[in-house]
Amino acid sequence: MLLLTLFFKKLVSIQKSLNKWRHSDDLVIQRMTTNMQLKFNKYWESGGINYLLLVVVFLNPRYKCEYIQFCFNPMYGVEKSMYMMKKLKDLIHKLIQQYVLEHPISHSSSNSANSSTLASNMASQHNDDKGDKGDDWDDEFRMKMNKKQGEV
């Protein structure tokens, strides 16, 4: 799961770099960026992106939907990113419905054992994520979220 989250972050970082280079004063860089953007769009436009990658990012407790939306707005524009987020949420709901059908909740199982396992898994993932230095995109997102929490 961590590798797919890192992959998503690199994908966003590439798009952010392309956006920056597009506004370069050097015409060669601008032309090169245009060609690179066409190739990038061929594989990563909304129709080409694998939504299971986004489900993995959604399941990471550090990010959720707000992070994906934050990344998609500059990549695809607000309208297209809203469409993609709706598609992602629909997929997540379908996955949850399928899981519930295949794994009905049993009241005989111990909830405290399940809670401690979940807490232990989350703590271990949090410790794994600490080794990841992140990038300025994550810092920008954290600042936005801190500002948002300060307004509430």
Foldseek 3Di string as FASTA:
>chain_A
DVVLLVVVLVLLVVLVVLVVQCPDPDPVSVVVSVVVVVVSCVQDPLVRDDLVSVVVQLPQVVAHPVLQQLSVCVRPNNVSSVVSSVVSVVVVVVVVVVCCVVDPDDPPDDPVVVVVVVVVVNVVVVVVCVVPPRDVSVVVVVVVVVVVVVVD
